[in-house]
Structures are given as structure tokens and as C-alpha cells.
Amino acid sequence: MADIKALAEQLVGLTLLEANELKNLLKDEYGIEPAAGGAVMMAGPGGGDAGAAAEEQTEFDVVLTAAGDKKINVIKEVRAITGLGLKEAKEMVEGAPKTVKEQVSKDEANELKEKLEAAGASVELK
């Protein structure tokens, strides 16, 4: 129990940058992705940086708003982008609106949007 409490204290004490690095590690090494808005919402104090980030957005979320008529092509593209299995990609496409990829650069977000729209999907960048 003491180890779990110590781990919880370490997690609560993470800076926003450290929390982002933890999220990336969990995603890249273990395939674990947080639910939309999860870890980012826990940021806590330090509101000065939030105002600066709102002025110039550098990271975008690619959101699939609708699959369109060519759902199979969209599922294939979602699989290629996310690395999900067929079942998971199908559920994501059918459950639109869903976030396909989070916190990507503007260039990557535009590239993913073009690919998904070429497959027949409706896409929004947030």
C-alpha cells in the first residue's frame, strides 16, 4: 500500500511537461492512450502558460466528424493513421465524432485531414 501511495504522490507532483512525456511513453511503449481530455485536464496551477498557449496554437487534434459514403476507405485510412485493429478502427469510424489523433503539429494535422477527406470522411481540426 505504501508503494501505491508513493506512486500517487509522484503522479500528482508531475509538471505538465513531465505528464506529457509520461503520456507519450505509455502510448509509444505500451499502446496505452488516455481518454480525450484526461491527463491534460489535471494540469492544476500555473495558469500563466495557458493564456500564451491560447494565443498561438501549435498542437492540434484531428477529429473525425463523419465517415461519409465511403466508410470502408475511411476505416482503412484510420487504421493506417492510428495503428488500430480492424474492429477498433471500425468502431471509431462508426462512433464519429471521434478524435483520431491528438496533439499533432499543424503540418501533420493538415496532412491527416487531407488523407481522411480523400478517403471520403469529414474532418475537423481542434
Protein backbone atom coordinates (compact mmCIF):
# COMPACT_ATOMS: atom_id res chain seq x y z
CA MET A 1 0.00 0.00 0.00
CA ALA A 2 2.87 2.39 0.77
CA ASP A 3 4.26 1.88 -2.76
CA ILE A 4 0.91 2.80 -4.31
CA LYS A 5 0.65 5.92 -2.17
CA ALA A 6 4.20 6.94 -3.13
CA LEU A 7 3.36 6.40 -6.81
CA ALA A 8 0.20 8.51 -6.44
CA GLU A 9 2.23 11.31 -4.82
CA GLN A 10 4.74 11.19 -7.68
CA LEU A 11 1.96 11.38 -10.28
CA VAL A 12 0.31 14.33 -8.55
CA GLY A 13 3.66 16.13 -8.40
CA LEU A 14 4.38 15.87 -12.14
CA THR A 15 4.77 19.06 -14.10
CA LEU A 16 2.77 19.47 -17.29
CA LEU A 17 5.85 18.67 -19.37
CA GLU A 18 6.57 15.53 -17.35
CA ALA A 19 2.92 14.43 -17.61
CA ASN A 20 3.11 14.85 -21.39
CA GLU A 21 6.32 12.78 -21.51
CA LEU A 22 4.62 10.09 -19.41
CA LYS A 23 1.64 10.08 -21.78
CA ASN A 24 3.94 9.70 -24.80
CA LEU A 25 5.89 6.90 -23.12
CA LEU A 26 2.72 4.99 -22.24
CA LYS A 27 1.43 5.45 -25.79
CA ASP A 28 4.66 4.53 -27.61
CA GLU A 29 5.92 1.73 -25.36
CA TYR A 30 2.68 0.10 -24.19
CA GLY A 31 -0.03 1.28 -26.62
CA ILE A 32 -2.00 2.96 -23.82
CA GLU A 33 -3.74 6.21 -24.75
CA PRO A 34 -5.60 8.43 -22.25
CA ALA A 35 -9.23 9.27 -22.84
CA ALA A 36 -9.78 12.63 -24.50
CA GLY A 37 -9.09 15.41 -22.02
CA GLY A 38 -7.82 13.01 -19.32
CA ALA A 39 -4.28 13.85 -18.20
CA VAL A 40 -4.28 17.31 -19.72
CA MET A 41 -7.22 18.36 -17.56
CA MET A 42 -5.24 17.54 -14.38
CA ALA A 43 -2.71 20.30 -15.05
CA GLY A 44 -3.50 22.26 -11.88
CA PRO A 45 -1.83 25.59 -11.01
CA GLY A 46 0.27 27.67 -13.39
CA GLY A 47 -2.41 29.43 -15.43
CA GLY A 48 0.08 31.88 -16.97
CA ASP A 49 1.14 29.38 -19.62
CA ALA A 50 -2.46 28.62 -20.60
CA GLY A 51 -3.00 32.17 -21.84
CA ALA A 52 0.11 32.09 -24.02
CA ALA A 53 -0.87 28.71 -25.48
CA ALA A 54 -4.30 30.01 -26.41
CA GLU A 55 -2.78 32.82 -28.48
CA GLU A 56 -0.74 30.62 -30.81
CA GLN A 57 -1.90 27.04 -31.13
CA THR A 58 0.90 24.67 -32.11
CA GLU A 59 -0.76 21.31 -31.41
CA PHE A 60 -4.00 20.15 -32.95
CA ASP A 61 -6.44 17.28 -32.51
CA VAL A 62 -7.69 15.60 -35.69
CA VAL A 63 -11.40 14.82 -35.17
CA LEU A 64 -13.38 12.56 -37.50
CA THR A 65 -16.83 14.17 -37.64
CA ALA A 66 -18.48 11.81 -40.15
CA ALA A 67 -17.48 8.76 -42.19
CA GLY A 68 -19.30 9.74 -45.37
CA ASP A 69 -20.33 7.35 -48.15
CA LYS A 70 -17.01 5.50 -48.44
CA LYS A 71 -16.85 4.11 -44.91
CA ILE A 72 -14.55 1.20 -45.83
CA ASN A 73 -11.93 3.59 -47.27
CA VAL A 74 -12.18 5.75 -44.15
CA ILE A 75 -11.72 2.69 -41.90
CA LYS A 76 -8.59 1.73 -43.87
CA GLU A 77 -7.18 5.24 -43.51
CA VAL A 78 -7.96 5.37 -39.77
CA ARG A 79 -6.16 2.03 -39.35
CA ALA A 80 -3.12 3.37 -41.21
CA ILE A 81 -3.02 6.56 -39.14
CA THR A 82 -3.67 5.07 -35.70
CA GLY A 83 -2.33 1.53 -35.96
CA LEU A 84 -5.61 0.21 -34.56
CA GLY A 85 -7.02 -3.18 -35.45
CA LEU A 86 -9.90 -3.54 -37.88
CA LYS A 87 -12.55 -3.82 -35.16
CA GLU A 88 -11.30 -0.78 -33.22
CA ALA A 89 -10.96 1.35 -36.36
CA LYS A 90 -14.47 0.37 -37.47
CA GLU A 91 -15.88 1.28 -34.04
CA MET A 92 -14.08 4.64 -34.16
CA VAL A 93 -15.44 5.46 -37.62
CA GLU A 94 -18.97 4.34 -36.77
CA GLY A 95 -18.89 6.25 -33.48
CA ALA A 96 -17.99 9.57 -35.10
CA PRO A 97 -17.36 12.24 -33.99
CA LYS A 98 -14.15 10.76 -32.56
CA THR A 99 -10.63 12.09 -32.11
CA VAL A 100 -8.33 10.19 -34.47
CA LYS A 101 -5.05 11.72 -33.31
CA GLU A 102 -4.24 14.16 -30.52
CA GLN A 103 -1.61 16.86 -30.10
CA VAL A 104 -0.03 16.74 -33.53
CA SER A 105 1.75 19.56 -35.33
CA LYS A 106 -0.14 21.81 -37.72
CA ASP A 107 1.55 20.23 -40.76
CA GLU A 108 0.79 16.67 -39.63
CA ALA A 109 -2.79 17.61 -38.74
CA ASN A 110 -3.36 19.09 -42.20
CA GLU A 111 -1.79 16.03 -43.85
CA LEU A 112 -4.03 13.65 -41.86
CA LYS A 113 -7.07 15.78 -42.64
CA GLU A 114 -6.29 15.62 -46.37
CA LYS A 115 -5.86 11.83 -46.25
CA LEU A 116 -9.13 11.29 -44.39
CA GLU A 117 -11.04 13.69 -46.63
CA ALA A 118 -9.62 11.96 -49.72
CA ALA A 119 -11.00 8.69 -48.29
CA GLY A 120 -14.44 10.34 -48.02
CA ALA A 121 -14.57 11.44 -44.37
CA SER A 122 -15.50 14.78 -42.82
CA VAL A 123 -12.69 16.02 -40.58
CA GLU A 124 -12.24 18.93 -38.19
CA LEU A 125 -9.06 20.26 -36.57
CA LYS A 126 -9.32 21.46 -32.98
